[in-house]
Amino acid sequence: IATGREMLRLALKGKQRGPISLPQDYVRVLCGDSDSIDSATKGDVFIGKDAILNQSFSVVTTDDAQTIIESYSDHSNLQRLYGYCHLDDNISILVLECLQKGTVDEFLSKPNGRVQLHAQRRIQIMLDAARILHSSKQALDLTSGNIGLNLHLATKVCVPTEIPKDSFPGNTFSFGILMIELLTGALQNNRSEDRKFG
C-alpha cells in the first residue's frame, strides 16, 4: 500500500511519464470498498480518495485498458490518467484525475450553471477543446458531457474508457455541436448526453 501511494504521489507531481501500474491492494484502499471492486463490471465509476495525499480520483473500470493506455497522450487539456490496475483477464481499473466541478453539460442544464459558465469561460473551453482536437492522436468524444472542469475551472477532456471506432470525423462533428451549445447556452435537444467517459 505504501509503495502504491508513493508511486501515485510521484505521478501527481509529474515525475512519472505516462500511466503507471498500481498495486491492487493500494487501489482497493483508494476506493475504500473492496466488495465494490470485486463485483465491478465494465463502465463502473467510483470516487477514490487518499487521505494522506489529500487527493480525490475518478476510478473507472474498463475492458480495454491496454488500448487506452497505449493511445493515451499527456496533454494539458486531457484528463490525467495516473495509473491502472488489472483486476482479472477482462476488467481493469483506471485511476484518473477527478473533475470536481462537473461537466459542461451539467453547467448548461442548470439556470444558475449558465451564469457560472460566463462568456469568457465558454470561449476558453472552445479554445482548449480545439487545441486538443488539433494535437491529439487519441480518439476522443468532444461533447459537453465529456468535457469536465477541475477545481480551478481548467478545461479537461475526459479520457475515454471505450475507444470509439470512428475518431477524427466524429471528433470534428462533436466539436461543432459543442461550439453551438456553448455559444447558445443550451444543450442539443435540451438534455444531458449519455456519458461514456470517466
N, C-alpha and C. Protein backbone atom coordinates (compact mmCIF):
# COMPACT_ATOMS: atom_id res chain seq x y z
N ILE A 1 0.84 -1.20 0.00
CA ILE A 1 0.00 0.00 0.00
C ILE A 1 0.88 1.25 0.00
N ALA A 2 1.91 1.25 0.83
CA ALA A 2 2.81 2.41 0.90
C ALA A 2 3.52 2.63 -0.44
N THR A 3 3.88 1.53 -1.10
CA THR A 3 4.54 1.63 -2.41
C THR A 3 3.61 2.25 -3.44
N GLY A 4 2.35 1.79 -3.46
CA GLY A 4 1.36 2.34 -4.38
C GLY A 4 1.12 3.81 -4.15
N ARG A 5 1.07 4.20 -2.88
CA ARG A 5 0.85 5.62 -2.54
C ARG A 5 2.02 6.47 -3.02
N GLU A 6 3.24 5.98 -2.82
CA GLU A 6 4.43 6.72 -3.25
C GLU A 6 4.47 6.84 -4.78
N MET A 7 4.09 5.77 -5.47
CA MET A 7 4.04 5.81 -6.94
C MET A 7 3.05 6.87 -7.41
N LEU A 8 1.87 6.90 -6.77
CA LEU A 8 0.85 7.86 -7.16
C LEU A 8 1.27 9.28 -6.79
N ARG A 9 1.95 9.44 -5.67
CA ARG A 9 2.44 10.76 -5.28
C ARG A 9 3.41 11.31 -6.33
N LEU A 10 4.29 10.47 -6.84
CA LEU A 10 5.23 10.88 -7.88
C LEU A 10 4.49 11.21 -9.17
N ALA A 11 3.45 10.44 -9.48
CA ALA A 11 2.64 10.70 -10.69
C ALA A 11 1.94 12.05 -10.58
N LEU A 12 1.43 12.36 -9.39
CA LEU A 12 0.75 13.64 -9.16
C LEU A 12 1.70 14.82 -9.36
N LYS A 13 2.96 14.63 -9.00
CA LYS A 13 3.96 15.69 -9.16
C LYS A 13 4.53 15.75 -10.56
N GLY A 14 4.07 14.84 -11.42
CA GLY A 14 4.56 14.84 -12.80
C GLY A 14 5.92 14.23 -12.97
N LYS A 15 6.38 13.44 -11.97
CA LYS A 15 7.70 12.83 -12.06
C LYS A 15 7.66 11.46 -12.72
N GLN A 16 6.48 11.00 -13.08
CA GLN A 16 6.33 9.74 -13.82
C GLN A 16 5.79 10.07 -15.19
N ARG A 17 6.36 9.50 -16.22
CA ARG A 17 5.88 9.73 -17.59
C ARG A 17 4.88 8.65 -17.94
N GLY A 18 3.67 9.05 -18.23
CA GLY A 18 2.64 8.10 -18.64
C GLY A 18 2.01 7.38 -17.45
N PRO A 19 0.95 6.63 -17.71
CA PRO A 19 0.24 5.90 -16.65
C PRO A 19 1.13 4.81 -16.03
N ILE A 20 0.99 4.60 -14.74
CA ILE A 20 1.80 3.60 -14.04
C ILE A 20 0.92 2.45 -13.56
N SER A 21 1.52 1.29 -13.46
CA SER A 21 0.82 0.12 -12.94
C SER A 21 0.81 0.19 -11.42
N LEU A 22 -0.39 0.27 -10.84
CA LEU A 22 -0.53 0.39 -9.38
C LEU A 22 -0.86 -0.95 -8.75
N PRO A 23 -0.35 -1.22 -7.54
CA PRO A 23 -0.67 -2.47 -6.85
C PRO A 23 -2.16 -2.56 -6.54
N GLN A 24 -2.71 -3.75 -6.71
CA GLN A 24 -4.15 -3.95 -6.49
C GLN A 24 -4.55 -3.62 -5.05
N ASP A 25 -3.70 -3.95 -4.08
CA ASP A 25 -4.03 -3.66 -2.67
C ASP A 25 -4.23 -2.16 -2.45
N TYR A 26 -3.38 -1.35 -3.09
CA TYR A 26 -3.50 0.10 -2.92
C TYR A 26 -4.77 0.62 -3.59
N VAL A 27 -5.10 0.10 -4.75
CA VAL A 27 -6.32 0.56 -5.45
C VAL A 27 -7.56 0.22 -4.62
N ARG A 28 -7.54 -0.92 -3.95
CA ARG A 28 -8.66 -1.29 -3.06
C ARG A 28 -8.79 -0.29 -1.92
N VAL A 29 -7.66 0.12 -1.34
CA VAL A 29 -7.68 1.12 -0.26
C VAL A 29 -8.17 2.46 -0.81
N LEU A 30 -7.72 2.80 -2.00
CA LEU A 30 -8.11 4.05 -2.64
C LEU A 30 -9.63 4.14 -2.80
N CYS A 31 -10.25 3.03 -3.17
CA CYS A 31 -11.70 3.00 -3.39
C CYS A 31 -12.47 2.83 -2.09
N GLY A 32 -11.81 2.37 -1.03
CA GLY A 32 -12.45 2.28 0.27
C GLY A 32 -13.46 1.16 0.43
N ASP A 33 -13.70 0.39 -0.62
CA ASP A 33 -14.70 -0.68 -0.54
C ASP A 33 -14.27 -1.83 -1.45
N SER A 34 -13.62 -2.82 -0.85
CA SER A 34 -13.13 -3.96 -1.64
C SER A 34 -14.26 -4.74 -2.29
N ASP A 35 -15.42 -4.79 -1.62
CA ASP A 35 -16.55 -5.53 -2.19
C ASP A 35 -17.00 -4.92 -3.51
N SER A 36 -17.03 -3.58 -3.58
CA SER A 36 -17.43 -2.90 -4.81
C SER A 36 -16.44 -3.20 -5.93
N ILE A 37 -15.16 -3.23 -5.61
CA ILE A 37 -14.14 -3.52 -6.61
C ILE A 37 -14.28 -4.96 -7.09
N ASP A 38 -14.50 -5.90 -6.17
CA ASP A 38 -14.61 -7.31 -6.54
C ASP A 38 -15.80 -7.58 -7.44
N SER A 39 -16.87 -6.81 -7.28
CA SER A 39 -18.07 -7.02 -8.10
C SER A 39 -18.16 -6.03 -9.26
N ALA A 40 -17.08 -5.30 -9.50
CA ALA A 40 -17.09 -4.27 -10.55
C ALA A 40 -17.24 -4.88 -11.93
N THR A 41 -18.00 -4.18 -12.77
CA THR A 41 -18.15 -4.57 -14.17
C THR A 41 -17.74 -3.38 -15.04
N LYS A 42 -17.58 -3.62 -16.32
CA LYS A 42 -17.16 -2.59 -17.26
C LYS A 42 -18.03 -1.34 -17.15
N GLY A 43 -17.38 -0.18 -17.05
CA GLY A 43 -18.10 1.09 -17.04
C GLY A 43 -18.47 1.61 -15.66
N ASP A 44 -18.15 0.86 -14.59
CA ASP A 44 -18.43 1.34 -13.23
C ASP A 44 -17.50 2.51 -12.91
N VAL A 45 -18.03 3.50 -12.19
CA VAL A 45 -17.24 4.69 -11.82
C VAL A 45 -17.30 4.85 -10.30
N PHE A 46 -16.14 5.04 -9.70
CA PHE A 46 -16.04 5.27 -8.26
C PHE A 46 -15.28 6.58 -8.03
N ILE A 47 -15.48 7.15 -6.87
CA ILE A 47 -14.63 8.26 -6.44
C ILE A 47 -13.67 7.68 -5.42
N GLY A 48 -12.39 7.75 -5.76
CA GLY A 48 -11.36 7.26 -4.86
C GLY A 48 -10.74 8.42 -4.09
N LYS A 49 -10.30 8.15 -2.88
CA LYS A 49 -9.69 9.23 -2.08
C LYS A 49 -8.53 8.66 -1.29
N ASP A 50 -7.43 9.39 -1.32
CA ASP A 50 -6.29 9.07 -0.46
C ASP A 50 -6.14 10.21 0.52
N ALA A 51 -6.50 9.94 1.78
CA ALA A 51 -6.49 10.99 2.80
C ALA A 51 -5.07 11.49 3.08
N ILE A 52 -4.09 10.61 2.98
CA ILE A 52 -2.71 11.02 3.25
C ILE A 52 -2.21 11.95 2.15
N LEU A 53 -2.54 11.63 0.90
CA LEU A 53 -2.17 12.50 -0.21
C LEU A 53 -3.10 13.71 -0.34
N ASN A 54 -4.24 13.65 0.39
CA ASN A 54 -5.27 14.69 0.33
C ASN A 54 -5.71 14.93 -1.11
N GLN A 55 -6.06 13.83 -1.77
CA GLN A 55 -6.39 13.89 -3.20
C GLN A 55 -7.54 12.95 -3.51
N SER A 56 -8.46 13.41 -4.37
CA SER A 56 -9.54 12.56 -4.87
C SER A 56 -9.24 12.15 -6.30
N PHE A 57 -9.78 11.00 -6.70
CA PHE A 57 -9.56 10.46 -8.04
C PHE A 57 -10.85 9.90 -8.59
N SER A 58 -10.97 9.91 -9.90
CA SER A 58 -12.04 9.15 -10.56
C SER A 58 -11.46 7.77 -10.85
N VAL A 59 -12.17 6.74 -10.44
CA VAL A 59 -11.72 5.37 -10.66
C VAL A 59 -12.75 4.70 -11.54
N VAL A 60 -12.32 4.24 -12.71
CA VAL A 60 -13.23 3.73 -13.73
C VAL A 60 -12.80 2.32 -14.14
N THR A 61 -13.78 1.44 -14.34
CA THR A 61 -13.46 0.09 -14.82
C THR A 61 -13.64 0.02 -16.33
N THR A 62 -12.80 -0.77 -16.96
CA THR A 62 -12.84 -0.91 -18.42
C THR A 62 -12.38 -2.31 -18.81
N ASP A 63 -12.76 -2.73 -20.02
CA ASP A 63 -12.25 -4.00 -20.54
C ASP A 63 -11.27 -3.74 -21.69
N ASP A 64 -10.86 -2.49 -21.87
CA ASP A 64 -9.98 -2.12 -22.97
C ASP A 64 -8.80 -1.28 -22.48
N ALA A 65 -8.27 -1.63 -21.31
CA ALA A 65 -7.23 -0.82 -20.69
C ALA A 65 -5.98 -0.70 -21.55
N GLN A 66 -5.56 -1.79 -22.16
CA GLN A 66 -4.31 -1.77 -22.92
C GLN A 66 -4.36 -0.76 -24.06
N THR A 67 -5.48 -0.75 -24.79
CA THR A 67 -5.64 0.20 -25.91
C THR A 67 -5.66 1.63 -25.40
N ILE A 68 -6.37 1.86 -24.28
CA ILE A 68 -6.46 3.21 -23.71
C ILE A 68 -5.08 3.69 -23.25
N ILE A 69 -4.34 2.82 -22.58
CA ILE A 69 -3.01 3.19 -22.07
C ILE A 69 -2.06 3.48 -23.23
N GLU A 70 -2.09 2.64 -24.25
CA GLU A 70 -1.18 2.82 -25.39
C GLU A 70 -1.50 4.08 -26.19
N SER A 71 -2.78 4.46 -26.24
CA SER A 71 -3.16 5.63 -27.03
C SER A 71 -3.17 6.92 -26.22
N TYR A 72 -2.95 6.82 -24.90
CA TYR A 72 -3.01 8.00 -24.04
C TYR A 72 -1.89 8.98 -24.37
N SER A 73 -2.25 10.26 -24.46
CA SER A 73 -1.23 11.30 -24.67
C SER A 73 -1.34 12.31 -23.54
N ASP A 74 -0.20 12.77 -23.07
CA ASP A 74 -0.16 13.70 -21.95
C ASP A 74 -0.35 15.12 -22.49
N HIS A 75 -1.55 15.65 -22.37
CA HIS A 75 -1.89 16.97 -22.88
C HIS A 75 -2.51 17.76 -21.74
N SER A 76 -2.19 19.04 -21.64
CA SER A 76 -2.66 19.85 -20.51
C SER A 76 -4.18 19.92 -20.41
N ASN A 77 -4.88 19.71 -21.54
CA ASN A 77 -6.35 19.77 -21.53
C ASN A 77 -7.00 18.40 -21.60
N LEU A 78 -6.21 17.35 -21.38
CA LEU A 78 -6.75 16.00 -21.32
C LEU A 78 -6.71 15.55 -19.86
N GLN A 79 -7.81 14.96 -19.41
CA GLN A 79 -7.87 14.44 -18.05
C GLN A 79 -6.66 13.52 -17.81
N ARG A 80 -5.97 13.73 -16.71
CA ARG A 80 -4.78 12.93 -16.43
C ARG A 80 -5.14 11.49 -16.11
N LEU A 81 -4.43 10.57 -16.72
CA LEU A 81 -4.53 9.15 -16.42
C LEU A 81 -3.28 8.81 -15.60
N TYR A 82 -3.47 8.69 -14.28
CA TYR A 82 -2.32 8.49 -13.40
C TYR A 82 -1.83 7.04 -13.41
N GLY A 83 -2.78 6.11 -13.37
CA GLY A 83 -2.37 4.72 -13.27
C GLY A 83 -3.49 3.76 -13.58
N TYR A 84 -3.16 2.49 -13.49
CA TYR A 84 -4.11 1.43 -13.81
C TYR A 84 -3.77 0.20 -12.98
N CYS A 85 -4.73 -0.71 -12.92
CA CYS A 85 -4.57 -1.96 -12.19
C CYS A 85 -5.45 -3.00 -12.86
N HIS A 86 -4.89 -4.16 -13.18
CA HIS A 86 -5.67 -5.24 -13.79
C HIS A 86 -6.30 -6.08 -12.68
N LEU A 87 -7.64 -6.15 -12.68
CA LEU A 87 -8.33 -6.97 -11.68
C LEU A 87 -8.30 -8.44 -12.08
N ASP A 88 -8.58 -8.68 -13.36
CA ASP A 88 -8.54 -10.05 -13.89
C ASP A 88 -8.28 -9.95 -15.39
N ASP A 89 -8.52 -11.03 -16.11
CA ASP A 89 -8.24 -11.03 -17.55
C ASP A 89 -9.15 -10.09 -18.33
N ASN A 90 -10.32 -9.77 -17.78
CA ASN A 90 -11.30 -8.96 -18.52
C ASN A 90 -11.42 -7.52 -18.05
N ILE A 91 -11.34 -7.29 -16.75
CA ILE A 91 -11.62 -5.95 -16.20
C ILE A 91 -10.36 -5.33 -15.60
N SER A 92 -10.14 -4.07 -15.94
CA SER A 92 -9.04 -3.30 -15.37
C SER A 92 -9.61 -2.01 -14.78
N ILE A 93 -8.83 -1.40 -13.91
CA ILE A 93 -9.23 -0.15 -13.27
C ILE A 93 -8.29 0.95 -13.73
N LEU A 94 -8.87 2.10 -14.09
CA LEU A 94 -8.08 3.28 -14.43
C LEU A 94 -8.23 4.29 -13.30
N VAL A 95 -7.12 4.88 -12.87
CA VAL A 95 -7.13 5.92 -11.84
C VAL A 95 -6.87 7.24 -12.53
N LEU A 96 -7.89 8.11 -12.53
CA LEU A 96 -7.89 9.34 -13.32
C LEU A 96 -7.99 10.58 -12.44
N GLU A 97 -7.62 11.70 -13.01
CA GLU A 97 -7.82 12.99 -12.38
C GLU A 97 -9.31 13.19 -12.11
N CYS A 98 -9.65 13.65 -10.91
CA CYS A 98 -11.05 13.90 -10.56
C CYS A 98 -11.44 15.30 -11.03
N LEU A 99 -12.53 15.37 -11.77
CA LEU A 99 -13.01 16.65 -12.29
C LEU A 99 -14.14 17.15 -11.38
N GLN A 100 -13.73 17.78 -10.28
CA GLN A 100 -14.63 18.10 -9.18
C GLN A 100 -15.77 19.04 -9.55
N LYS A 101 -15.57 19.91 -10.52
CA LYS A 101 -16.60 20.89 -10.85
C LYS A 101 -17.67 20.34 -11.80
N GLY A 102 -17.50 19.12 -12.26
CA GLY A 102 -18.50 18.52 -13.13
C GLY A 102 -18.22 18.76 -14.60
N THR A 103 -19.21 18.49 -15.42
CA THR A 103 -19.05 18.60 -16.88
C THR A 103 -19.80 19.83 -17.42
N VAL A 104 -19.45 20.20 -18.63
CA VAL A 104 -20.07 21.36 -19.27
C VAL A 104 -21.58 21.17 -19.37
N ASP A 105 -22.04 19.96 -19.73
CA ASP A 105 -23.49 19.77 -19.85
C ASP A 105 -24.21 19.93 -18.52
N GLU A 106 -23.52 19.60 -17.41
CA GLU A 106 -24.13 19.81 -16.09
C GLU A 106 -24.30 21.30 -15.81
N PHE A 107 -23.33 22.10 -16.21
CA PHE A 107 -23.44 23.55 -16.05
C PHE A 107 -24.57 24.10 -16.91
N LEU A 108 -24.63 23.67 -18.18
CA LEU A 108 -25.61 24.23 -19.11
C LEU A 108 -27.04 23.77 -18.83
N SER A 109 -27.19 22.66 -18.11
CA SER A 109 -28.54 22.15 -17.85
C SER A 109 -29.20 22.84 -16.65
N LYS A 110 -28.43 23.67 -15.92
CA LYS A 110 -29.00 24.37 -14.77
C LYS A 110 -28.98 25.87 -15.02
N PRO A 111 -30.06 26.58 -14.69
CA PRO A 111 -30.10 28.03 -14.91
C PRO A 111 -28.94 28.77 -14.25
N ASN A 112 -28.63 28.46 -13.00
CA ASN A 112 -27.52 29.15 -12.34
C ASN A 112 -26.17 28.68 -12.88
N GLY A 113 -26.12 27.48 -13.46
CA GLY A 113 -24.90 26.98 -14.05
C GLY A 113 -24.51 27.77 -15.28
N ARG A 114 -25.50 28.22 -16.05
CA ARG A 114 -25.23 29.03 -17.25
C ARG A 114 -24.58 30.36 -16.85
N VAL A 115 -25.00 30.89 -15.71
CA VAL A 115 -24.42 32.15 -15.23
C VAL A 115 -22.97 31.92 -14.80
N GLN A 116 -22.72 30.80 -14.10
CA GLN A 116 -21.36 30.49 -13.65
C GLN A 116 -20.41 30.27 -14.83
N LEU A 117 -20.94 29.71 -15.91
CA LEU A 117 -20.13 29.45 -17.10
C LEU A 117 -20.26 30.67 -18.01
N HIS A 118 -19.65 31.77 -17.61
CA HIS A 118 -19.79 33.04 -18.32
C HIS A 118 -19.13 32.97 -19.70
N ALA A 119 -19.35 34.01 -20.51
CA ALA A 119 -18.92 34.02 -21.92
C ALA A 119 -17.42 33.79 -22.07
N GLN A 120 -16.62 34.43 -21.25
CA GLN A 120 -15.17 34.28 -21.36
C GLN A 120 -14.75 32.83 -21.08
N ARG A 121 -15.38 32.20 -20.08
CA ARG A 121 -15.07 30.81 -19.74
C ARG A 121 -15.49 29.89 -20.89
N ARG A 122 -16.66 30.16 -21.50
CA ARG A 122 -17.12 29.33 -22.62
C ARG A 122 -16.16 29.41 -23.80
N ILE A 123 -15.68 30.61 -24.09
CA ILE A 123 -14.72 30.79 -25.20
C ILE A 123 -13.44 30.03 -24.88
N GLN A 124 -13.00 30.08 -23.62
CA GLN A 124 -11.78 29.36 -23.23
C GLN A 124 -11.96 27.85 -23.40
N ILE A 125 -13.15 27.35 -23.06
CA ILE A 125 -13.43 25.91 -23.23
C ILE A 125 -13.34 25.53 -24.70
N MET A 126 -13.92 26.37 -25.58
CA MET A 126 -13.84 26.09 -27.02
C MET A 126 -12.41 26.08 -27.52
N LEU A 127 -11.61 27.05 -27.06
CA LEU A 127 -10.20 27.12 -27.47
C LEU A 127 -9.42 25.90 -26.99
N ASP A 128 -9.65 25.52 -25.73
CA ASP A 128 -8.95 24.35 -25.18
C ASP A 128 -9.35 23.07 -25.91
N ALA A 129 -10.64 22.94 -26.22
CA ALA A 129 -11.11 21.75 -26.95
C ALA A 129 -10.52 21.73 -28.36
N ALA A 130 -10.41 22.91 -28.99
CA ALA A 130 -9.82 22.99 -30.33
C ALA A 130 -8.35 22.59 -30.30
N ARG A 131 -7.63 23.00 -29.25
CA ARG A 131 -6.21 22.65 -29.12
C ARG A 131 -6.03 21.14 -29.04
N ILE A 132 -6.86 20.51 -28.22
CA ILE A 132 -6.69 19.06 -28.07
C ILE A 132 -7.16 18.32 -29.32
N LEU A 133 -8.17 18.84 -29.99
CA LEU A 133 -8.63 18.24 -31.25
C LEU A 133 -7.50 18.30 -32.28
N HIS A 134 -6.79 19.41 -32.32
CA HIS A 134 -5.72 19.61 -33.29
C HIS A 134 -4.49 18.74 -32.99
N SER A 135 -4.16 18.58 -31.71
CA SER A 135 -2.88 17.95 -31.37
C SER A 135 -2.97 16.48 -30.96
N SER A 136 -4.14 16.01 -30.53
CA SER A 136 -4.22 14.65 -30.00
C SER A 136 -4.39 13.62 -31.12
N LYS A 137 -3.65 12.52 -30.97
CA LYS A 137 -3.81 11.39 -31.89
C LYS A 137 -4.83 10.41 -31.33
N GLN A 138 -5.32 10.67 -30.14
CA GLN A 138 -6.23 9.78 -29.45
C GLN A 138 -7.66 10.03 -29.91
N ALA A 139 -8.44 8.95 -30.02
CA ALA A 139 -9.86 9.09 -30.34
C ALA A 139 -10.57 9.68 -29.12
N LEU A 140 -11.27 10.79 -29.31
CA LEU A 140 -11.93 11.48 -28.21
C LEU A 140 -13.37 11.79 -28.57
N ASP A 141 -14.18 12.02 -27.56
CA ASP A 141 -15.55 12.45 -27.76
C ASP A 141 -15.65 13.85 -27.16
N LEU A 142 -15.70 14.85 -28.03
CA LEU A 142 -15.67 16.24 -27.57
C LEU A 142 -17.07 16.80 -27.35
N THR A 143 -17.94 16.01 -26.75
CA THR A 143 -19.28 16.50 -26.43
C THR A 143 -19.28 17.14 -25.04
N SER A 144 -20.31 17.92 -24.76
CA SER A 144 -20.36 18.65 -23.49
C SER A 144 -20.43 17.73 -22.28
N GLY A 145 -20.91 16.51 -22.47
CA GLY A 145 -20.94 15.55 -21.37
C GLY A 145 -19.60 14.92 -21.08
N ASN A 146 -18.62 15.15 -21.95
CA ASN A 146 -17.29 14.55 -21.79
C ASN A 146 -16.20 15.58 -21.60
N ILE A 147 -16.60 16.82 -21.39
CA ILE A 147 -15.63 17.87 -21.07
C ILE A 147 -15.91 18.34 -19.66
N GLY A 148 -14.93 18.10 -18.80
CA GLY A 148 -15.08 18.44 -17.39
C GLY A 148 -14.26 19.65 -17.01
N LEU A 149 -14.51 20.12 -15.80
CA LEU A 149 -13.76 21.25 -15.24
C LEU A 149 -13.21 20.82 -13.89
N ASN A 150 -11.92 21.10 -13.67
CA ASN A 150 -11.34 20.74 -12.38
C ASN A 150 -11.61 21.86 -11.36
N LEU A 151 -10.98 21.75 -10.20
CA LEU A 151 -11.22 22.74 -9.13
C LEU A 151 -10.90 24.16 -9.55
N HIS A 152 -9.95 24.32 -10.47
CA HIS A 152 -9.54 25.65 -10.92
C HIS A 152 -10.28 26.06 -12.20
N LEU A 153 -11.33 25.29 -12.55
CA LEU A 153 -12.14 25.51 -13.75
C LEU A 153 -11.33 25.39 -15.04
N ALA A 154 -10.24 24.62 -14.98
CA ALA A 154 -9.48 24.33 -16.20
C ALA A 154 -10.23 23.27 -17.01
N THR A 155 -10.22 23.43 -18.33
CA THR A 155 -10.92 22.50 -19.23
C THR A 155 -10.15 21.20 -19.32
N LYS A 156 -10.87 20.08 -19.14
CA LYS A 156 -10.26 18.76 -19.24
C LYS A 156 -11.18 17.85 -20.05
N VAL A 157 -10.68 17.37 -21.18
CA VAL A 157 -11.44 16.39 -21.97
C VAL A 157 -11.25 15.04 -21.28
N CYS A 158 -12.35 14.37 -21.01
CA CYS A 158 -12.29 13.10 -20.28
C CYS A 158 -11.63 12.01 -21.11
N VAL A 159 -10.83 11.20 -20.43
CA VAL A 159 -10.18 10.05 -21.07
C VAL A 159 -11.25 9.02 -21.40
N PRO A 160 -11.27 8.51 -22.63
CA PRO A 160 -12.28 7.51 -22.98
C PRO A 160 -12.03 6.18 -22.30
N THR A 161 -13.09 5.57 -21.75
CA THR A 161 -12.98 4.23 -21.21
C THR A 161 -13.42 3.20 -22.23
N GLU A 162 -13.93 3.67 -23.37
CA GLU A 162 -14.19 2.83 -24.54
C GLU A 162 -13.61 3.59 -25.72
N ILE A 163 -12.91 2.91 -26.59
CA ILE A 163 -12.32 3.58 -27.75
C ILE A 163 -13.34 3.60 -28.88
N PRO A 164 -13.79 4.81 -29.32
CA PRO A 164 -14.74 4.88 -30.43
C PRO A 164 -14.10 4.34 -31.71
N LYS A 165 -14.91 3.70 -32.56
CA LYS A 165 -14.40 3.17 -33.83
C LYS A 165 -14.06 4.29 -34.78
N ASP A 166 -14.88 5.33 -34.83
CA ASP A 166 -14.60 6.48 -35.69
C ASP A 166 -13.92 7.53 -34.84
N SER A 167 -12.80 8.04 -35.31
CA SER A 167 -12.08 9.01 -34.48
C SER A 167 -12.21 10.42 -35.01
N PHE A 168 -11.42 10.79 -36.02
CA PHE A 168 -11.35 12.20 -36.41
C PHE A 168 -12.67 12.78 -36.90
N PRO A 169 -13.39 12.13 -37.83
CA PRO A 169 -14.66 12.74 -38.27
C PRO A 169 -15.64 12.94 -37.11
N GLY A 170 -15.68 11.97 -36.17
CA GLY A 170 -16.56 12.10 -35.01
C GLY A 170 -16.12 13.22 -34.10
N ASN A 171 -14.79 13.34 -33.90
CA ASN A 171 -14.25 14.42 -33.08
C ASN A 171 -14.64 15.79 -33.63
N THR A 172 -14.50 15.95 -34.94
CA THR A 172 -14.79 17.24 -35.58
C THR A 172 -16.28 17.57 -35.48
N PHE A 173 -17.13 16.59 -35.74
CA PHE A 173 -18.58 16.81 -35.66
C PHE A 173 -19.00 17.16 -34.23
N SER A 174 -18.52 16.38 -33.25
CA SER A 174 -18.91 16.65 -31.86
C SER A 174 -18.37 18.00 -31.38
N PHE A 175 -17.22 18.41 -31.91
CA PHE A 175 -16.68 19.73 -31.56
C PHE A 175 -17.62 20.84 -32.08
N GLY A 176 -18.18 20.66 -33.27
CA GLY A 176 -19.13 21.63 -33.81
C GLY A 176 -20.37 21.75 -32.95
N ILE A 177 -20.90 20.61 -32.50
CA ILE A 177 -22.06 20.61 -31.60
C ILE A 177 -21.71 21.31 -30.29
N LEU A 178 -20.51 21.01 -29.76
CA LEU A 178 -20.06 21.65 -28.52
C LEU A 178 -20.02 23.17 -28.67
N MET A 179 -19.50 23.65 -29.80
CA MET A 179 -19.45 25.10 -30.03
C MET A 179 -20.84 25.72 -30.03
N ILE A 180 -21.78 25.07 -30.69
CA ILE A 180 -23.16 25.58 -30.74
C ILE A 180 -23.75 25.64 -29.34
N GLU A 181 -23.54 24.57 -28.55
CA GLU A 181 -24.08 24.54 -27.19
C GLU A 181 -23.47 25.63 -26.32
N LEU A 182 -22.16 25.83 -26.44
CA LEU A 182 -21.51 26.87 -25.63
C LEU A 182 -21.91 28.27 -26.07
N LEU A 183 -22.08 28.48 -27.36
CA LEU A 183 -22.47 29.81 -27.86
C LEU A 183 -23.91 30.16 -27.49
N THR A 184 -24.80 29.16 -27.55
CA THR A 184 -26.21 29.42 -27.26
C THR A 184 -26.55 29.24 -25.78
N GLY A 185 -25.72 28.49 -25.05
CA GLY A 185 -26.01 28.20 -23.65
C GLY A 185 -27.09 27.16 -23.48
N ALA A 186 -27.41 26.44 -24.55
CA ALA A 186 -28.46 25.42 -24.49
C ALA A 186 -27.92 24.10 -25.03
N LEU A 187 -28.27 23.01 -24.35
CA LEU A 187 -27.84 21.69 -24.80
C LEU A 187 -28.63 21.25 -26.02
N GLN A 188 -28.00 20.45 -26.86
CA GLN A 188 -28.70 19.87 -28.01
C GLN A 188 -29.87 19.05 -27.48
N ASN A 189 -31.04 19.23 -28.03
CA ASN A 189 -32.27 18.56 -27.58
C ASN A 189 -32.61 18.87 -26.12
N ASN A 190 -31.93 19.90 -25.57
CA ASN A 190 -32.20 20.36 -24.20
C ASN A 190 -32.12 19.24 -23.16
N ARG A 191 -31.16 18.34 -23.33
CA ARG A 191 -30.97 17.28 -22.35
C ARG A 191 -29.50 16.94 -22.26
N SER A 192 -29.11 16.35 -21.13
CA SER A 192 -27.74 15.91 -20.95
C SER A 192 -27.50 14.67 -21.81
N GLU A 193 -26.28 14.56 -22.31
CA GLU A 193 -25.94 13.43 -23.15
C GLU A 193 -25.48 12.26 -22.33
N ASP A 194 -25.63 11.04 -22.88
CA ASP A 194 -25.13 9.86 -22.18
C ASP A 194 -23.62 9.95 -22.08
N ARG A 195 -23.10 9.56 -20.94
CA ARG A 195 -21.66 9.64 -20.74
C ARG A 195 -21.04 8.26 -20.96
N LYS A 196 -19.98 8.23 -21.75
CA LYS A 196 -19.21 7.02 -21.95
C LYS A 196 -17.84 7.15 -21.31
N PHE A 197 -17.61 8.27 -20.65
CA PHE A 197 -16.27 8.56 -20.17
C PHE A 197 -16.27 8.76 -18.67
N GLY A 198 -15.11 8.58 -18.06
CA GLY A 198 -14.96 8.69 -16.64
C GLY A 198 -14.66 10.08 -16.16
